[in-house]
Amino acid sequence: MTRDTTEYPDPESSKPERFLRPDGTVTNDDMRYVFGFGRRFCSGRHLANAMIWMTIASILSIFSLVLAKDSDGNEAPVVVEYTSDVIRCVMGLLLS
């Protein structure tokens, strides 16, 4: 269902930017697929969406997101690399 090449060009690649328009606004992508269809849909989908939003907002509220510093105290360049596993993770994050 989400592999329609007319809707999602190159559907097998992880491209988060596909949900952004050229002007930077978010596309009107319908995320109904996450919670199923018909009689087997998740009856707690509204609660799940609210809980996910609140959990992520609560976690992010306690972090200070800043660029890493190199040994000279200058901001280090951001190089983003991902793992190629089923669950993708950012490699090389510096946490302090």
C-alpha atoms as a PDB file:
ATOM      1  CA  MET A   1       0.000   0.000   0.000  1.00  0.00           C
ATOM      2  CA  THR A   2       2.822   2.402   0.749  1.00  0.00           C
ATOM      3  CA  ARG A   3       4.942   1.152  -2.138  1.00  0.00           C
ATOM      4  CA  ASP A   4       3.046   3.063  -4.845  1.00  0.00           C
ATOM      5  CA  THR A   5       5.798   4.603  -6.986  1.00  0.00           C
ATOM      6  CA  THR A   6       3.475   7.344  -8.242  1.00  0.00           C
ATOM      7  CA  GLU A   7       2.873   8.473  -4.656  1.00  0.00           C
ATOM      8  CA  TYR A   8       6.302   7.626  -3.190  1.00  0.00           C
ATOM      9  CA  PRO A   9       9.145   7.662  -5.750  1.00  0.00           C
ATOM     10  CA  ASP A  10      11.816   5.099  -4.824  1.00  0.00           C
ATOM     11  CA  PRO A  11       9.722   3.602  -1.979  1.00  0.00           C
ATOM     12  CA  GLU A  12      12.444   1.218  -0.782  1.00  0.00           C
ATOM     13  CA  SER A  13      14.799   4.056   0.214  1.00  0.00           C
ATOM     14  CA  SER A  14      14.578   5.889   3.513  1.00  0.00           C
ATOM     15  CA  LYS A  15      14.075   9.488   2.434  1.00  0.00           C
ATOM     16  CA  PRO A  16      12.435  11.627   5.126  1.00  0.00           C
ATOM     17  CA  GLU A  17      12.624  14.624   2.793  1.00  0.00           C
ATOM     18  CA  ARG A  18       9.923  13.037   0.608  1.00  0.00           C
ATOM     19  CA  PHE A  19       7.394  14.409   3.087  1.00  0.00           C
ATOM     20  CA  LEU A  20       8.529  17.998   2.430  1.00  0.00           C
ATOM     21  CA  ARG A  21       7.462  20.173  -0.471  1.00  0.00           C
ATOM     22  CA  PRO A  22      10.063  22.307  -2.296  1.00  0.00           C
ATOM     23  CA  ASP A  23       8.947  25.366  -0.296  1.00  0.00           C
ATOM     24  CA  GLY A  24       9.649  23.535   2.991  1.00  0.00           C
ATOM     25  CA  THR A  25       6.056  22.849   4.052  1.00  0.00           C
ATOM     26  CA  VAL A  26       4.959  19.346   5.036  1.00  0.00           C
ATOM     27  CA  THR A  27       3.028  17.223   2.540  1.00  0.00           C
ATOM     28  CA  ASN A  28      -0.479  16.110   3.342  1.00  0.00           C
ATOM     29  CA  ASP A  29       0.589  12.486   3.819  1.00  0.00           C
ATOM     30  CA  ASP A  30      -2.064  10.302   5.400  1.00  0.00           C
ATOM     31  CA  MET A  31      -0.651   8.199   8.246  1.00  0.00           C
ATOM     32  CA  ARG A  32      -3.688   5.920   8.628  1.00  0.00           C
ATOM     33  CA  TYR A  33      -1.591   2.917   7.613  1.00  0.00           C
ATOM     34  CA  VAL A  34       0.107   2.813  11.008  1.00  0.00           C
ATOM     35  CA  PHE A  35      -3.027   1.756  12.881  1.00  0.00           C
ATOM     36  CA  GLY A  36      -4.548  -0.696  10.411  1.00  0.00           C
ATOM     37  CA  PHE A  37      -7.764  -0.756   8.400  1.00  0.00           C
ATOM     38  CA  GLY A  38     -11.379  -1.804   8.635  1.00  0.00           C
ATOM     39  CA  ARG A  39     -12.519  -3.998  11.498  1.00  0.00           C
ATOM     40  CA  ARG A  40      -8.956  -4.671  12.632  1.00  0.00           C
ATOM     41  CA  PHE A  41      -7.920  -1.069  13.188  1.00  0.00           C
ATOM     42  CA  CYS A  42      -6.405  -0.031  16.506  1.00  0.00           C
ATOM     43  CA  SER A  43      -9.212   1.238  18.718  1.00  0.00           C
ATOM     44  CA  GLY A  44      -6.702   3.113  20.865  1.00  0.00           C
ATOM     45  CA  ARG A  45      -5.131   5.032  17.986  1.00  0.00           C
ATOM     46  CA  HIS A  46      -6.092   8.481  19.300  1.00  0.00           C
ATOM     47  CA  LEU A  47      -4.719   7.697  22.753  1.00  0.00           C
ATOM     48  CA  ALA A  48      -1.570   6.211  21.196  1.00  0.00           C
ATOM     49  CA  ASN A  49      -0.960   9.318  19.073  1.00  0.00           C
ATOM     50  CA  ALA A  50      -1.448  11.586  22.082  1.00  0.00           C
ATOM     51  CA  MET A  51       0.838   9.490  24.290  1.00  0.00           C
ATOM     52  CA  ILE A  52       3.592   9.340  21.668  1.00  0.00           C
ATOM     53  CA  TRP A  53       3.408  13.121  21.218  1.00  0.00           C
ATOM     54  CA  MET A  54       3.524  13.774  24.980  1.00  0.00           C
ATOM     55  CA  THR A  55       6.371  11.303  25.538  1.00  0.00           C
ATOM     56  CA  ILE A  56       8.551  12.766  22.796  1.00  0.00           C
ATOM     57  CA  ALA A  57       7.782  16.338  23.884  1.00  0.00           C
ATOM     58  CA  SER A  58       8.623  15.484  27.518  1.00  0.00           C
ATOM     59  CA  ILE A  59      11.902  13.813  26.590  1.00  0.00           C
ATOM     60  CA  LEU A  60      12.973  16.627  24.268  1.00  0.00           C
ATOM     61  CA  SER A  61      12.130  19.273  26.865  1.00  0.00           C
ATOM     62  CA  ILE A  62      14.979  18.128  29.143  1.00  0.00           C
ATOM     63  CA  PHE A  63      17.711  18.112  26.481  1.00  0.00           C
ATOM     64  CA  SER A  64      19.828  20.996  25.272  1.00  0.00           C
ATOM     65  CA  LEU A  65      20.433  20.457  21.583  1.00  0.00           C
ATOM     66  CA  VAL A  66      23.769  22.068  20.720  1.00  0.00           C
ATOM     67  CA  LEU A  67      26.557  21.359  18.269  1.00  0.00           C
ATOM     68  CA  ALA A  68      29.488  19.315  19.551  1.00  0.00           C
ATOM     69  CA  LYS A  69      32.787  21.092  20.207  1.00  0.00           C
ATOM     70  CA  ASP A  70      36.155  19.896  18.938  1.00  0.00           C
ATOM     71  CA  SER A  71      39.364  19.897  21.011  1.00  0.00           C
ATOM     72  CA  ASP A  72      39.905  23.610  20.246  1.00  0.00           C
ATOM     73  CA  GLY A  73      36.434  24.591  21.450  1.00  0.00           C
ATOM     74  CA  ASN A  74      35.065  25.232  17.956  1.00  0.00           C
ATOM     75  CA  GLU A  75      31.769  23.781  16.801  1.00  0.00           C
ATOM     76  CA  ALA A  76      32.400  20.473  15.042  1.00  0.00           C
ATOM     77  CA  PRO A  77      30.791  19.919  11.623  1.00  0.00           C
ATOM     78  CA  VAL A  78      27.716  17.707  11.593  1.00  0.00           C
ATOM     79  CA  VAL A  79      28.214  14.471   9.648  1.00  0.00           C
ATOM     80  CA  VAL A  80      25.124  12.283   9.671  1.00  0.00           C
ATOM     81  CA  GLU A  81      25.494   8.569   8.954  1.00  0.00           C
ATOM     82  CA  TYR A  82      22.887   5.876   9.519  1.00  0.00           C
ATOM     83  CA  THR A  83      23.060   2.165  10.206  1.00  0.00           C
ATOM     84  CA  SER A  84      21.625  -0.097   7.506  1.00  0.00           C
ATOM     85  CA  ASP A  85      19.681  -2.334   9.888  1.00  0.00           C
ATOM     86  CA  VAL A  86      15.930  -2.904   9.985  1.00  0.00           C
ATOM     87  CA  ILE A  87      15.682  -0.199  12.643  1.00  0.00           C
ATOM     88  CA  ARG A  88      17.857   2.670  11.452  1.00  0.00           C
ATOM     89  CA  CYS A  89      19.942   4.602  13.971  1.00  0.00           C
ATOM     90  CA  VAL A  90      22.151   7.639  13.642  1.00  0.00           C
ATOM     91  CA  MET A  91      25.805   6.683  14.066  1.00  0.00           C
ATOM     92  CA  GLY A  92      28.317   8.780  15.967  1.00  0.00           C
ATOM     93  CA  LEU A  93      26.045  10.797  18.240  1.00  0.00           C
ATOM     94  CA  LEU A  94      27.892  12.591  21.005  1.00  0.00           C
ATOM     95  CA  LEU A  95      25.957  12.672  24.251  1.00  0.00           C
ATOM     96  CA  SER A  96      27.091  14.545  27.303  1.00  0.00           C
END
